[in-house]
Amino acid sequence: MSFQKFSIALQTHSNKNMELKDRIINETNGLLQIKSCRLITMDEIANNLGISKRTLYEQFKDKSNLLEDCFNMNFEKAVNESNKIIESSENSLVSILLMLKKANSSIHTIKYDYIKDLNKYYPEIYQKTFERHINFQKELRNKLLLEALEEGLVLEDVNFDLLQSIIQLNLFYCSKNEYMIQNPNHSLIEIAMMHIFIIIRGVSTTKGIEIIDKYKEIFLKK
């Protein structure tokens, strides 16, 4: 076999491996939306994809490795989506609200109890991937809040650290099952975004409020 043919064959094999790996990750991500990571088994994933466990373990050495790759891929996806939101937004204040709406949607896709289980049964993965996601969003919000301050869209005496804590509490409580039991007539996203809208609007200048109100139907849409 010539070197060129060998290179093509090697590339084809590599592409097939990547396609299979992506299929496995996508299947696992789908399962993570409907059940705890504790209950997901490698047998289940292999059966759902119609592959052998041996093939599955050729791609991922164990379940922990697979879960970590899932959350890493989700993190990269979140970074790309955040960049797209910033690029397409009118200003930093709109970017903050749109990113928080996306964050709320992502958190509610994976239920709060499932996130607790991740921390309980796979604490290293939780620390390395889930908290990395939280820290990335927080740092990005800080950057955008400073830009909003320079643009005259938020009040000058706002305590950004306190504001970030309030936003984080909103993300936490609006994802808890017991909180939602007390609010059965409204969806998770509806409640979370009403909270966020009030918080951000409350620290905005008159100029900022005008911009926020212009987009309120998008932010508060069910």
N, C-alpha and C. Protein backbone atom coordinates (compact mmCIF):
# COMPACT_ATOMS: atom_id res chain seq x y z
N MET A 1 0.85 -1.20 0.00
CA MET A 1 0.00 0.00 0.00
C MET A 1 0.88 1.24 0.00
N SER A 2 0.56 2.19 -0.91
CA SER A 2 1.34 3.42 -0.97
C SER A 2 1.09 4.25 0.27
N PHE A 3 2.01 5.18 0.54
CA PHE A 3 1.88 6.06 1.71
C PHE A 3 0.60 6.88 1.62
N GLN A 4 0.25 7.34 0.39
CA GLN A 4 -0.97 8.15 0.22
C GLN A 4 -2.21 7.35 0.57
N LYS A 5 -2.27 6.09 0.07
CA LYS A 5 -3.43 5.25 0.37
C LYS A 5 -3.51 4.92 1.85
N PHE A 6 -2.33 4.70 2.45
CA PHE A 6 -2.30 4.41 3.90
C PHE A 6 -2.82 5.60 4.68
N SER A 7 -2.43 6.82 4.27
CA SER A 7 -2.87 8.03 4.96
C SER A 7 -4.38 8.21 4.84
N ILE A 8 -4.91 7.92 3.64
CA ILE A 8 -6.36 8.04 3.42
C ILE A 8 -7.12 7.02 4.28
N ALA A 9 -6.60 5.79 4.33
CA ALA A 9 -7.23 4.73 5.13
C ALA A 9 -7.20 5.09 6.61
N LEU A 10 -6.06 5.63 7.04
CA LEU A 10 -5.92 6.03 8.44
C LEU A 10 -6.89 7.15 8.79
N GLN A 11 -7.03 8.11 7.88
CA GLN A 11 -7.94 9.24 8.10
C GLN A 11 -9.40 8.77 8.13
N THR A 12 -9.73 7.83 7.22
CA THR A 12 -11.09 7.28 7.17
C THR A 12 -11.43 6.57 8.47
N HIS A 13 -10.47 5.78 8.98
CA HIS A 13 -10.66 5.06 10.25
C HIS A 13 -10.84 6.05 11.39
N SER A 14 -10.03 7.12 11.37
CA SER A 14 -10.12 8.14 12.42
C SER A 14 -11.46 8.84 12.39
N ASN A 15 -11.95 9.15 11.18
CA ASN A 15 -13.25 9.81 11.04
C ASN A 15 -14.39 8.93 11.56
N LYS A 16 -14.31 7.63 11.25
CA LYS A 16 -15.34 6.70 11.70
C LYS A 16 -15.34 6.60 13.22
N ASN A 17 -14.14 6.61 13.82
CA ASN A 17 -14.04 6.58 15.28
C ASN A 17 -14.64 7.83 15.90
N MET A 18 -14.39 8.98 15.27
CA MET A 18 -14.94 10.23 15.78
C MET A 18 -16.46 10.24 15.66
N GLU A 19 -16.97 9.73 14.54
CA GLU A 19 -18.42 9.65 14.35
C GLU A 19 -19.05 8.76 15.40
N LEU A 20 -18.42 7.62 15.67
CA LEU A 20 -18.94 6.70 16.68
C LEU A 20 -18.87 7.34 18.07
N LYS A 21 -17.76 7.99 18.34
CA LYS A 21 -17.59 8.65 19.64
C LYS A 21 -18.67 9.71 19.85
N ASP A 22 -18.93 10.49 18.81
CA ASP A 22 -19.96 11.53 18.89
C ASP A 22 -21.34 10.91 19.10
N ARG A 23 -21.61 9.78 18.43
CA ARG A 23 -22.89 9.09 18.60
C ARG A 23 -23.07 8.63 20.04
N ILE A 24 -22.01 8.10 20.61
CA ILE A 24 -22.06 7.62 22.00
C ILE A 24 -22.30 8.78 22.96
N ILE A 25 -21.60 9.88 22.73
CA ILE A 25 -21.76 11.05 23.60
C ILE A 25 -23.17 11.62 23.48
N ASN A 26 -23.68 11.70 22.25
CA ASN A 26 -25.04 12.23 22.04
C ASN A 26 -26.08 11.34 22.71
N GLU A 27 -25.90 10.03 22.61
CA GLU A 27 -26.83 9.09 23.25
C GLU A 27 -26.79 9.26 24.77
N THR A 28 -25.60 9.40 25.32
CA THR A 28 -25.45 9.57 26.77
C THR A 28 -26.05 10.88 27.23
N ASN A 29 -25.83 11.94 26.46
CA ASN A 29 -26.43 13.23 26.79
C ASN A 29 -27.95 13.15 26.80
N GLY A 30 -28.50 12.40 25.87
CA GLY A 30 -29.95 12.22 25.83
C GLY A 30 -30.46 11.51 27.08
N LEU A 31 -29.72 10.50 27.51
CA LEU A 31 -30.10 9.77 28.72
C LEU A 31 -29.97 10.64 29.96
N LEU A 32 -28.97 11.52 29.99
CA LEU A 32 -28.76 12.40 31.14
C LEU A 32 -29.91 13.38 31.33
N GLN A 33 -30.68 13.61 30.29
CA GLN A 33 -31.82 14.52 30.39
C GLN A 33 -33.04 13.85 31.01
N ILE A 34 -33.05 12.53 31.07
CA ILE A 34 -34.25 11.84 31.55
C ILE A 34 -33.98 10.96 32.77
N LYS A 35 -32.71 10.79 33.13
CA LYS A 35 -32.42 9.97 34.31
C LYS A 35 -31.08 10.35 34.92
N SER A 36 -30.88 9.96 36.15
CA SER A 36 -29.65 10.27 36.87
C SER A 36 -28.47 9.51 36.26
N CYS A 37 -27.29 10.14 36.34
CA CYS A 37 -26.07 9.48 35.86
C CYS A 37 -25.83 8.16 36.62
N ARG A 38 -26.31 8.09 37.85
CA ARG A 38 -26.17 6.88 38.66
C ARG A 38 -26.89 5.69 38.03
N LEU A 39 -27.99 5.96 37.34
CA LEU A 39 -28.83 4.88 36.79
C LEU A 39 -28.45 4.49 35.37
N ILE A 40 -27.66 5.32 34.72
CA ILE A 40 -27.26 5.03 33.34
C ILE A 40 -26.16 3.97 33.36
N THR A 41 -26.29 2.94 32.52
CA THR A 41 -25.29 1.88 32.47
C THR A 41 -24.65 1.82 31.08
N MET A 42 -23.45 1.26 31.04
CA MET A 42 -22.76 1.09 29.76
C MET A 42 -23.51 0.08 28.89
N ASP A 43 -24.14 -0.92 29.52
CA ASP A 43 -24.95 -1.89 28.78
C ASP A 43 -26.09 -1.19 28.05
N GLU A 44 -26.75 -0.28 28.76
CA GLU A 44 -27.88 0.45 28.18
C GLU A 44 -27.44 1.28 26.98
N ILE A 45 -26.33 1.97 27.12
CA ILE A 45 -25.83 2.82 26.03
C ILE A 45 -25.48 1.97 24.81
N ALA A 46 -24.77 0.86 25.04
CA ALA A 46 -24.39 -0.04 23.94
C ALA A 46 -25.62 -0.61 23.25
N ASN A 47 -26.60 -1.06 24.02
CA ASN A 47 -27.83 -1.62 23.46
C ASN A 47 -28.60 -0.60 22.64
N ASN A 48 -28.71 0.62 23.17
CA ASN A 48 -29.44 1.68 22.47
C ASN A 48 -28.81 2.03 21.13
N LEU A 49 -27.49 1.91 21.05
CA LEU A 49 -26.77 2.25 19.82
C LEU A 49 -26.57 1.05 18.91
N GLY A 50 -26.90 -0.13 19.41
CA GLY A 50 -26.72 -1.34 18.60
C GLY A 50 -25.27 -1.70 18.40
N ILE A 51 -24.44 -1.44 19.41
CA ILE A 51 -23.02 -1.80 19.34
C ILE A 51 -22.69 -2.72 20.52
N SER A 52 -21.55 -3.36 20.45
CA SER A 52 -21.15 -4.24 21.53
C SER A 52 -20.50 -3.43 22.65
N LYS A 53 -20.48 -3.99 23.85
CA LYS A 53 -19.80 -3.32 24.97
C LYS A 53 -18.30 -3.19 24.67
N ARG A 54 -17.76 -4.17 23.97
CA ARG A 54 -16.34 -4.10 23.62
C ARG A 54 -16.05 -2.87 22.77
N THR A 55 -16.93 -2.62 21.78
CA THR A 55 -16.77 -1.42 20.93
C THR A 55 -16.89 -0.16 21.76
N LEU A 56 -17.83 -0.17 22.70
CA LEU A 56 -18.02 1.00 23.56
C LEU A 56 -16.77 1.26 24.39
N TYR A 57 -16.20 0.20 24.95
CA TYR A 57 -15.02 0.36 25.80
C TYR A 57 -13.74 0.64 24.99
N GLU A 58 -13.80 0.44 23.70
CA GLU A 58 -12.68 0.84 22.85
C GLU A 58 -12.63 2.37 22.71
N GLN A 59 -13.79 3.00 22.87
CA GLN A 59 -13.88 4.45 22.75
C GLN A 59 -13.73 5.15 24.11
N PHE A 60 -14.25 4.52 25.15
CA PHE A 60 -14.21 5.10 26.50
C PHE A 60 -13.81 4.01 27.48
N LYS A 61 -12.80 4.28 28.27
CA LYS A 61 -12.28 3.24 29.16
C LYS A 61 -13.27 2.84 30.25
N ASP A 62 -14.15 3.78 30.66
CA ASP A 62 -15.17 3.46 31.65
C ASP A 62 -16.27 4.53 31.61
N LYS A 63 -17.27 4.35 32.43
CA LYS A 63 -18.41 5.27 32.46
C LYS A 63 -17.98 6.67 32.89
N SER A 64 -17.07 6.74 33.83
CA SER A 64 -16.58 8.03 34.30
C SER A 64 -15.94 8.83 33.17
N ASN A 65 -15.13 8.15 32.36
CA ASN A 65 -14.48 8.78 31.21
C ASN A 65 -15.51 9.28 30.20
N LEU A 66 -16.57 8.48 29.99
CA LEU A 66 -17.63 8.86 29.06
C LEU A 66 -18.39 10.10 29.57
N LEU A 67 -18.74 10.10 30.85
CA LEU A 67 -19.47 11.24 31.42
C LEU A 67 -18.63 12.51 31.34
N GLU A 68 -17.35 12.39 31.62
CA GLU A 68 -16.47 13.56 31.58
C GLU A 68 -16.41 14.13 30.16
N ASP A 69 -16.31 13.26 29.16
CA ASP A 69 -16.29 13.72 27.77
C ASP A 69 -17.62 14.39 27.39
N CYS A 70 -18.73 13.86 27.92
CA CYS A 70 -20.04 14.46 27.66
C CYS A 70 -20.09 15.89 28.17
N PHE A 71 -19.67 16.08 29.40
CA PHE A 71 -19.74 17.42 29.99
C PHE A 71 -18.70 18.36 29.38
N ASN A 72 -17.57 17.82 28.96
CA ASN A 72 -16.57 18.65 28.27
C ASN A 72 -17.12 19.15 26.94
N MET A 73 -17.80 18.26 26.20
CA MET A 73 -18.38 18.66 24.93
C MET A 73 -19.48 19.70 25.14
N ASN A 74 -20.28 19.51 26.19
CA ASN A 74 -21.33 20.48 26.50
C ASN A 74 -20.76 21.83 26.88
N PHE A 75 -19.60 21.81 27.56
CA PHE A 75 -18.94 23.06 27.92
C PHE A 75 -18.48 23.81 26.68
N GLU A 76 -17.84 23.10 25.76
CA GLU A 76 -17.38 23.73 24.53
C GLU A 76 -18.55 24.29 23.72
N LYS A 77 -19.65 23.56 23.72
CA LYS A 77 -20.85 24.01 23.03
C LYS A 77 -21.38 25.29 23.68
N ALA A 78 -21.37 25.35 25.01
CA ALA A 78 -21.84 26.54 25.72
C ALA A 78 -20.96 27.75 25.42
N VAL A 79 -19.66 27.53 25.34
CA VAL A 79 -18.73 28.63 25.01
C VAL A 79 -19.03 29.18 23.62
N ASN A 80 -19.21 28.30 22.66
CA ASN A 80 -19.52 28.72 21.28
C ASN A 80 -20.85 29.46 21.21
N GLU A 81 -21.85 28.95 21.92
CA GLU A 81 -23.17 29.60 21.91
C GLU A 81 -23.11 30.97 22.56
N SER A 82 -22.34 31.10 23.63
CA SER A 82 -22.19 32.40 24.30
C SER A 82 -21.53 33.41 23.36
N ASN A 83 -20.50 32.97 22.65
CA ASN A 83 -19.81 33.86 21.71
C ASN A 83 -20.75 34.31 20.59
N LYS A 84 -21.60 33.40 20.12
CA LYS A 84 -22.56 33.75 19.07
C LYS A 84 -23.58 34.76 19.58
N ILE A 85 -24.02 34.59 20.83
CA ILE A 85 -24.98 35.53 21.43
C ILE A 85 -24.36 36.92 21.51
N ILE A 86 -23.12 37.00 21.98
CA ILE A 86 -22.44 38.29 22.12
C ILE A 86 -22.27 38.97 20.76
N GLU A 87 -21.88 38.19 19.76
CA GLU A 87 -21.64 38.73 18.43
C GLU A 87 -22.92 39.29 17.80
N SER A 88 -24.06 38.67 18.10
CA SER A 88 -25.32 39.05 17.45
C SER A 88 -26.17 40.02 18.28
N SER A 89 -25.75 40.32 19.52
CA SER A 89 -26.55 41.17 20.40
C SER A 89 -26.28 42.65 20.17
N GLU A 90 -27.30 43.44 20.44
CA GLU A 90 -27.19 44.90 20.26
C GLU A 90 -26.17 45.50 21.21
N ASN A 91 -26.11 45.00 22.44
CA ASN A 91 -25.17 45.52 23.43
C ASN A 91 -24.96 44.49 24.54
N SER A 92 -24.12 44.84 25.51
CA SER A 92 -23.75 43.91 26.57
C SER A 92 -24.93 43.53 27.46
N LEU A 93 -25.86 44.45 27.69
CA LEU A 93 -27.00 44.16 28.56
C LEU A 93 -27.91 43.09 27.94
N VAL A 94 -28.15 43.20 26.66
CA VAL A 94 -28.95 42.21 25.95
C VAL A 94 -28.22 40.86 25.95
N SER A 95 -26.90 40.90 25.78
CA SER A 95 -26.11 39.66 25.81
C SER A 95 -26.27 38.93 27.14
N ILE A 96 -26.22 39.69 28.24
CA ILE A 96 -26.34 39.09 29.57
C ILE A 96 -27.68 38.38 29.72
N LEU A 97 -28.75 39.04 29.35
CA LEU A 97 -30.09 38.46 29.49
C LEU A 97 -30.27 37.23 28.60
N LEU A 98 -29.80 37.31 27.37
CA LEU A 98 -29.94 36.17 26.46
C LEU A 98 -29.11 34.98 26.92
N MET A 99 -27.91 35.24 27.46
CA MET A 99 -27.08 34.15 27.96
C MET A 99 -27.68 33.52 29.21
N LEU A 100 -28.30 34.34 30.07
CA LEU A 100 -28.96 33.79 31.26
C LEU A 100 -30.18 32.97 30.88
N LYS A 101 -30.87 33.39 29.84
CA LYS A 101 -32.01 32.60 29.36
C LYS A 101 -31.52 31.24 28.86
N LYS A 102 -30.40 31.26 28.13
CA LYS A 102 -29.83 30.01 27.63
C LYS A 102 -29.34 29.13 28.78
N ALA A 103 -28.71 29.76 29.78
CA ALA A 103 -28.21 29.01 30.94
C ALA A 103 -29.36 28.36 31.71
N ASN A 104 -30.44 29.10 31.90
CA ASN A 104 -31.61 28.55 32.59
C ASN A 104 -32.17 27.36 31.82
N SER A 105 -32.24 27.49 30.51
CA SER A 105 -32.76 26.40 29.68
C SER A 105 -31.89 25.16 29.81
N SER A 106 -30.56 25.35 29.82
CA SER A 106 -29.63 24.23 29.92
C SER A 106 -29.73 23.54 31.27
N ILE A 107 -29.82 24.33 32.34
CA ILE A 107 -29.90 23.77 33.69
C ILE A 107 -31.18 22.96 33.86
N HIS A 108 -32.27 23.47 33.29
CA HIS A 108 -33.56 22.81 33.47
C HIS A 108 -33.70 21.57 32.57
N THR A 109 -32.83 21.48 31.56
CA THR A 109 -32.82 20.28 30.73
C THR A 109 -32.32 19.08 31.55
N ILE A 110 -31.28 19.35 32.37
CA ILE A 110 -30.80 18.33 33.30
C ILE A 110 -31.33 18.71 34.68
N LYS A 111 -32.21 17.92 35.22
CA LYS A 111 -32.91 18.26 36.46
C LYS A 111 -31.95 18.43 37.64
N TYR A 112 -32.37 19.24 38.60
CA TYR A 112 -31.55 19.55 39.76
C TYR A 112 -31.09 18.29 40.50
N ASP A 113 -32.00 17.34 40.69
CA ASP A 113 -31.65 16.10 41.40
C ASP A 113 -30.57 15.32 40.66
N TYR A 114 -30.57 15.41 39.32
CA TYR A 114 -29.56 14.70 38.54
C TYR A 114 -28.19 15.37 38.73
N ILE A 115 -28.20 16.69 38.85
CA ILE A 115 -26.95 17.41 39.09
C ILE A 115 -26.41 17.06 40.48
N LYS A 116 -27.31 16.94 41.46
CA LYS A 116 -26.89 16.53 42.81
C LYS A 116 -26.25 15.15 42.77
N ASP A 117 -26.82 14.25 41.99
CA ASP A 117 -26.27 12.90 41.88
C ASP A 117 -24.88 12.92 41.24
N LEU A 118 -24.70 13.78 40.27
CA LEU A 118 -23.37 13.91 39.65
C LEU A 118 -22.34 14.30 40.70
N ASN A 119 -22.70 15.27 41.53
CA ASN A 119 -21.79 15.73 42.59
C ASN A 119 -21.54 14.63 43.62
N LYS A 120 -22.56 13.83 43.89
CA LYS A 120 -22.46 12.78 44.91
C LYS A 120 -21.66 11.58 44.44
N TYR A 121 -21.94 11.12 43.21
CA TYR A 121 -21.34 9.88 42.75
C TYR A 121 -20.09 10.08 41.87
N TYR A 122 -19.98 11.28 41.29
CA TYR A 122 -18.81 11.57 40.46
C TYR A 122 -18.29 12.97 40.80
N PRO A 123 -17.83 13.16 42.04
CA PRO A 123 -17.42 14.51 42.50
C PRO A 123 -16.29 15.13 41.69
N GLU A 124 -15.37 14.30 41.21
CA GLU A 124 -14.25 14.84 40.43
C GLU A 124 -14.75 15.42 39.11
N ILE A 125 -15.68 14.73 38.47
CA ILE A 125 -16.24 15.23 37.21
C ILE A 125 -17.03 16.51 37.46
N TYR A 126 -17.78 16.51 38.55
CA TYR A 126 -18.55 17.70 38.91
C TYR A 126 -17.63 18.90 39.07
N GLN A 127 -16.54 18.71 39.81
CA GLN A 127 -15.60 19.80 40.06
C GLN A 127 -14.94 20.27 38.76
N LYS A 128 -14.52 19.32 37.94
CA LYS A 128 -13.74 19.65 36.75
C LYS A 128 -14.57 20.24 35.62
N THR A 129 -15.82 19.79 35.49
CA THR A 129 -16.60 20.19 34.33
C THR A 129 -17.76 21.11 34.66
N PHE A 130 -18.60 20.71 35.60
CA PHE A 130 -19.79 21.51 35.89
C PHE A 130 -19.42 22.86 36.52
N GLU A 131 -18.50 22.84 37.49
CA GLU A 131 -18.10 24.10 38.11
C GLU A 131 -17.29 24.96 37.15
N ARG A 132 -16.57 24.34 36.23
CA ARG A 132 -15.85 25.11 35.21
C ARG A 132 -16.84 25.89 34.36
N HIS A 133 -17.97 25.26 34.06
CA HIS A 133 -19.02 25.92 33.29
C HIS A 133 -19.58 27.12 34.06
N ILE A 134 -19.85 26.93 35.35
CA ILE A 134 -20.38 28.01 36.19
C ILE A 134 -19.40 29.17 36.26
N ASN A 135 -18.12 28.86 36.46
CA ASN A 135 -17.10 29.91 36.57
C ASN A 135 -16.92 30.67 35.26
N PHE A 136 -17.01 29.94 34.15
CA PHE A 136 -16.90 30.59 32.84
C PHE A 136 -18.02 31.60 32.65
N GLN A 137 -19.26 31.19 32.96
CA GLN A 137 -20.41 32.08 32.80
C GLN A 137 -20.30 33.29 33.71
N LYS A 138 -19.83 33.07 34.92
CA LYS A 138 -19.70 34.16 35.89
C LYS A 138 -18.66 35.18 35.41
N GLU A 139 -17.52 34.70 34.94
CA GLU A 139 -16.47 35.60 34.45
C GLU A 139 -16.94 36.38 33.23
N LEU A 140 -17.67 35.70 32.36
CA LEU A 140 -18.18 36.36 31.16
C LEU A 140 -19.21 37.43 31.52
N ARG A 141 -20.08 37.11 32.49
CA ARG A 141 -21.07 38.10 32.93
C ARG A 141 -20.38 39.32 33.54
N ASN A 142 -19.32 39.09 34.32
CA ASN A 142 -18.58 40.21 34.90
C ASN A 142 -18.02 41.12 33.81
N LYS A 143 -17.46 40.52 32.78
CA LYS A 143 -16.91 41.28 31.66
C LYS A 143 -18.00 42.11 30.99
N LEU A 144 -19.16 41.50 30.77
CA LEU A 144 -20.26 42.20 30.10
C LEU A 144 -20.87 43.28 31.00
N LEU A 145 -20.90 43.03 32.31
CA LEU A 145 -21.42 44.05 33.23
C LEU A 145 -20.53 45.28 33.25
N LEU A 146 -19.21 45.06 33.19
CA LEU A 146 -18.27 46.19 33.13
C LEU A 146 -18.47 46.97 31.83
N GLU A 147 -18.72 46.26 30.74
CA GLU A 147 -18.99 46.94 29.47
C GLU A 147 -20.30 47.73 29.56
N ALA A 148 -21.31 47.13 30.19
CA ALA A 148 -22.60 47.80 30.35
C ALA A 148 -22.44 49.07 31.21
N LEU A 149 -21.56 48.99 32.20
CA LEU A 149 -21.28 50.15 33.06
C LEU A 149 -20.65 51.27 32.24
N GLU A 150 -19.68 50.92 31.40
CA GLU A 150 -19.02 51.91 30.53
C GLU A 150 -19.99 52.51 29.52
N GLU A 151 -20.97 51.71 29.10
CA GLU A 151 -21.96 52.17 28.12
C GLU A 151 -23.10 52.96 28.77
N GLY A 152 -23.05 53.08 30.10
CA GLY A 152 -24.09 53.81 30.81
C GLY A 152 -25.41 53.07 30.90
N LEU A 153 -25.35 51.74 30.91
CA LEU A 153 -26.57 50.93 30.92
C LEU A 153 -26.92 50.39 32.30
N VAL A 154 -25.93 50.34 33.22
CA VAL A 154 -26.21 49.91 34.60
C VAL A 154 -25.75 50.98 35.57
N LEU A 155 -26.34 50.99 36.75
CA LEU A 155 -26.04 52.00 37.76
C LEU A 155 -24.60 51.87 38.25
N GLU A 156 -23.97 53.00 38.53
CA GLU A 156 -22.56 53.01 38.89
C GLU A 156 -22.27 52.39 40.25
N ASP A 157 -23.24 52.41 41.16
CA ASP A 157 -22.98 51.93 42.52
C ASP A 157 -23.41 50.47 42.72
N VAL A 158 -23.60 49.74 41.63
CA VAL A 158 -24.01 48.34 41.73
C VAL A 158 -22.85 47.48 42.24
N ASN A 159 -23.12 46.65 43.23
CA ASN A 159 -22.14 45.70 43.74
C ASN A 159 -22.20 44.45 42.87
N PHE A 160 -21.24 44.30 41.97
CA PHE A 160 -21.27 43.21 41.00
C PHE A 160 -21.16 41.84 41.68
N ASP A 161 -20.37 41.75 42.75
CA ASP A 161 -20.24 40.46 43.45
C ASP A 161 -21.58 40.03 44.02
N LEU A 162 -22.29 40.97 44.64
CA LEU A 162 -23.61 40.66 45.20
C LEU A 162 -24.60 40.32 44.09
N LEU A 163 -24.53 41.06 43.00
CA LEU A 163 -25.42 40.80 41.86
C LEU A 163 -25.19 39.39 41.31
N GLN A 164 -23.92 39.00 41.18
CA GLN A 164 -23.60 37.67 40.69
C GLN A 164 -24.15 36.59 41.63
N SER A 165 -24.05 36.84 42.95
CA SER A 165 -24.57 35.88 43.92
C SER A 165 -26.08 35.73 43.80
N ILE A 166 -26.77 36.84 43.58
CA ILE A 166 -28.23 36.81 43.43
C ILE A 166 -28.62 36.03 42.17
N ILE A 167 -27.89 36.27 41.08
CA ILE A 167 -28.15 35.55 39.83
C ILE A 167 -27.93 34.05 40.04
N GLN A 168 -26.83 33.69 40.74
CA GLN A 168 -26.53 32.29 40.97
C GLN A 168 -27.60 31.63 41.84
N LEU A 169 -28.10 32.35 42.83
CA LEU A 169 -29.18 31.82 43.67
C LEU A 169 -30.44 31.58 42.85
N ASN A 170 -30.70 32.48 41.90
CA ASN A 170 -31.86 32.30 41.03
C ASN A 170 -31.73 31.02 40.22
N LEU A 171 -30.55 30.80 39.64
CA LEU A 171 -30.32 29.59 38.85
C LEU A 171 -30.48 28.34 39.71
N PHE A 172 -30.05 28.45 40.97
CA PHE A 172 -30.11 27.31 41.89
C PHE A 172 -31.55 27.00 42.32
N TYR A 173 -32.24 27.99 42.83
CA TYR A 173 -33.58 27.74 43.37
C TYR A 173 -34.62 27.42 42.30
N CYS A 174 -34.48 28.05 41.14
CA CYS A 174 -35.46 27.79 40.09
C CYS A 174 -35.26 26.44 39.41
N SER A 175 -34.23 25.71 39.83
CA SER A 175 -34.03 24.37 39.29
C SER A 175 -34.39 23.29 40.31
N LYS A 176 -34.73 23.70 41.52
CA LYS A 176 -35.04 22.73 42.58
C LYS A 176 -36.48 22.23 42.48
N ASN A 177 -36.65 20.94 42.57
CA ASN A 177 -37.98 20.35 42.44
C ASN A 177 -38.95 20.86 43.49
N GLU A 178 -38.47 21.01 44.75
CA GLU A 178 -39.36 21.45 45.81
C GLU A 178 -39.84 22.89 45.60
N TYR A 179 -39.01 23.69 44.94
CA TYR A 179 -39.41 25.07 44.64
C TYR A 179 -40.53 25.06 43.60
N MET A 180 -40.40 24.19 42.61
CA MET A 180 -41.39 24.13 41.55
C MET A 180 -42.72 23.55 42.02
N ILE A 181 -42.68 22.67 43.03
CA ILE A 181 -43.92 22.12 43.57
C ILE A 181 -44.81 23.23 44.12
N GLN A 182 -44.19 24.27 44.64
CA GLN A 182 -44.93 25.40 45.20
C GLN A 182 -45.43 26.36 44.11
N ASN A 183 -44.97 26.17 42.88
CA ASN A 183 -45.35 27.05 41.77
C ASN A 183 -45.79 26.20 40.57
N PRO A 184 -46.86 25.42 40.72
CA PRO A 184 -47.24 24.45 39.68
C PRO A 184 -47.83 25.07 38.42
N ASN A 185 -48.23 26.33 38.48
CA ASN A 185 -48.91 26.94 37.33
C ASN A 185 -47.97 27.60 36.34
N HIS A 186 -46.68 27.55 36.64
CA HIS A 186 -45.71 28.22 35.76
C HIS A 186 -44.54 27.29 35.47
N SER A 187 -43.96 27.45 34.28
CA SER A 187 -42.82 26.61 33.89
C SER A 187 -41.55 27.10 34.57
N LEU A 188 -40.55 26.22 34.60
CA LEU A 188 -39.25 26.58 35.16
C LEU A 188 -38.65 27.80 34.49
N ILE A 189 -38.65 27.79 33.16
CA ILE A 189 -38.06 28.90 32.41
C ILE A 189 -38.82 30.20 32.66
N GLU A 190 -40.13 30.11 32.72
CA GLU A 190 -40.96 31.30 32.94
C GLU A 190 -40.63 31.96 34.28
N ILE A 191 -40.54 31.17 35.33
CA ILE A 191 -40.24 31.71 36.66
C ILE A 191 -38.81 32.25 36.71
N ALA A 192 -37.87 31.47 36.20
CA ALA A 192 -36.46 31.87 36.23
C ALA A 192 -36.23 33.18 35.49
N MET A 193 -36.81 33.30 34.30
CA MET A 193 -36.58 34.51 33.51
C MET A 193 -37.32 35.73 34.06
N MET A 194 -38.44 35.53 34.73
CA MET A 194 -39.09 36.65 35.40
C MET A 194 -38.18 37.18 36.51
N HIS A 195 -37.57 36.27 37.27
CA HIS A 195 -36.62 36.67 38.30
C HIS A 195 -35.46 37.47 37.68
N ILE A 196 -34.86 36.88 36.65
CA ILE A 196 -33.69 37.51 36.01
C ILE A 196 -34.05 38.88 35.44
N PHE A 197 -35.20 38.97 34.78
CA PHE A 197 -35.65 40.23 34.18
C PHE A 197 -35.77 41.32 35.24
N ILE A 198 -36.37 40.97 36.37
CA ILE A 198 -36.53 41.94 37.46
C ILE A 198 -35.18 42.34 38.04
N ILE A 199 -34.28 41.37 38.22
CA ILE A 199 -32.96 41.65 38.79
C ILE A 199 -32.16 42.59 37.90
N ILE A 200 -32.03 42.25 36.61
CA ILE A 200 -31.22 43.07 35.70
C ILE A 200 -31.86 44.43 35.46
N ARG A 201 -33.16 44.46 35.32
CA ARG A 201 -33.85 45.74 35.12
C ARG A 201 -33.68 46.64 36.34
N GLY A 202 -33.64 46.03 37.51
CA GLY A 202 -33.52 46.80 38.75
C GLY A 202 -32.18 47.48 38.93
N VAL A 203 -31.12 46.99 38.27
CA VAL A 203 -29.80 47.61 38.40
C VAL A 203 -29.44 48.43 37.16
N SER A 204 -30.40 48.61 36.26
CA SER A 204 -30.14 49.32 35.01
C SER A 204 -30.48 50.81 35.12
N THR A 205 -29.80 51.59 34.32
CA THR A 205 -30.11 53.02 34.21
C THR A 205 -31.37 53.19 33.35
N THR A 206 -31.83 54.42 33.22
CA THR A 206 -33.00 54.68 32.37
C THR A 206 -32.73 54.22 30.94
N LYS A 207 -31.52 54.48 30.47
CA LYS A 207 -31.13 54.04 29.12
C LYS A 207 -31.17 52.52 29.01
N GLY A 208 -30.67 51.85 30.05
CA GLY A 208 -30.67 50.39 30.05
C GLY A 208 -32.07 49.81 30.10
N ILE A 209 -32.93 50.43 30.91
CA ILE A 209 -34.31 49.96 31.04
C ILE A 209 -35.05 50.06 29.71
N GLU A 210 -34.81 51.12 28.98
CA GLU A 210 -35.45 51.29 27.67
C GLU A 210 -35.07 50.15 26.73
N ILE A 211 -33.80 49.77 26.77
CA ILE A 211 -33.32 48.67 25.91
C ILE A 211 -33.94 47.35 26.35
N ILE A 212 -33.92 47.09 27.66
CA ILE A 212 -34.48 45.84 28.19
C ILE A 212 -35.96 45.71 27.85
N ASP A 213 -36.70 46.80 28.07
CA ASP A 213 -38.15 46.76 27.82
C ASP A 213 -38.46 46.51 26.34
N LYS A 214 -37.56 46.95 25.48
CA LYS A 214 -37.76 46.75 24.04
C LYS A 214 -37.73 45.26 23.69
N TYR A 215 -36.98 44.49 24.48
CA TYR A 215 -36.82 43.06 24.22
C TYR A 215 -37.57 42.18 25.21
N LYS A 216 -38.42 42.76 26.05
CA LYS A 216 -39.00 41.98 27.14
C LYS A 216 -39.83 40.79 26.67
N GLU A 217 -40.46 40.89 25.50
CA GLU A 217 -41.26 39.76 25.03
C GLU A 217 -40.37 38.54 24.73
N ILE A 218 -39.14 38.81 24.31
CA ILE A 218 -38.19 37.70 24.06
C ILE A 218 -37.73 37.09 25.37
N PHE A 219 -37.42 37.94 26.34
CA PHE A 219 -36.91 37.46 27.62
C PHE A 219 -37.97 36.74 28.44
N LEU A 220 -39.22 37.20 28.33
CA LEU A 220 -40.29 36.66 29.17
C LEU A 220 -41.19 35.69 28.42
N LYS A 221 -40.84 35.37 27.18
CA LYS A 221 -41.64 34.43 26.40
C LYS A 221 -41.61 33.06 27.03
N LYS A 222 -42.75 32.41 27.13
CA LYS A 222 -42.87 31.09 27.75
C LYS A 222 -42.16 30.05 26.90
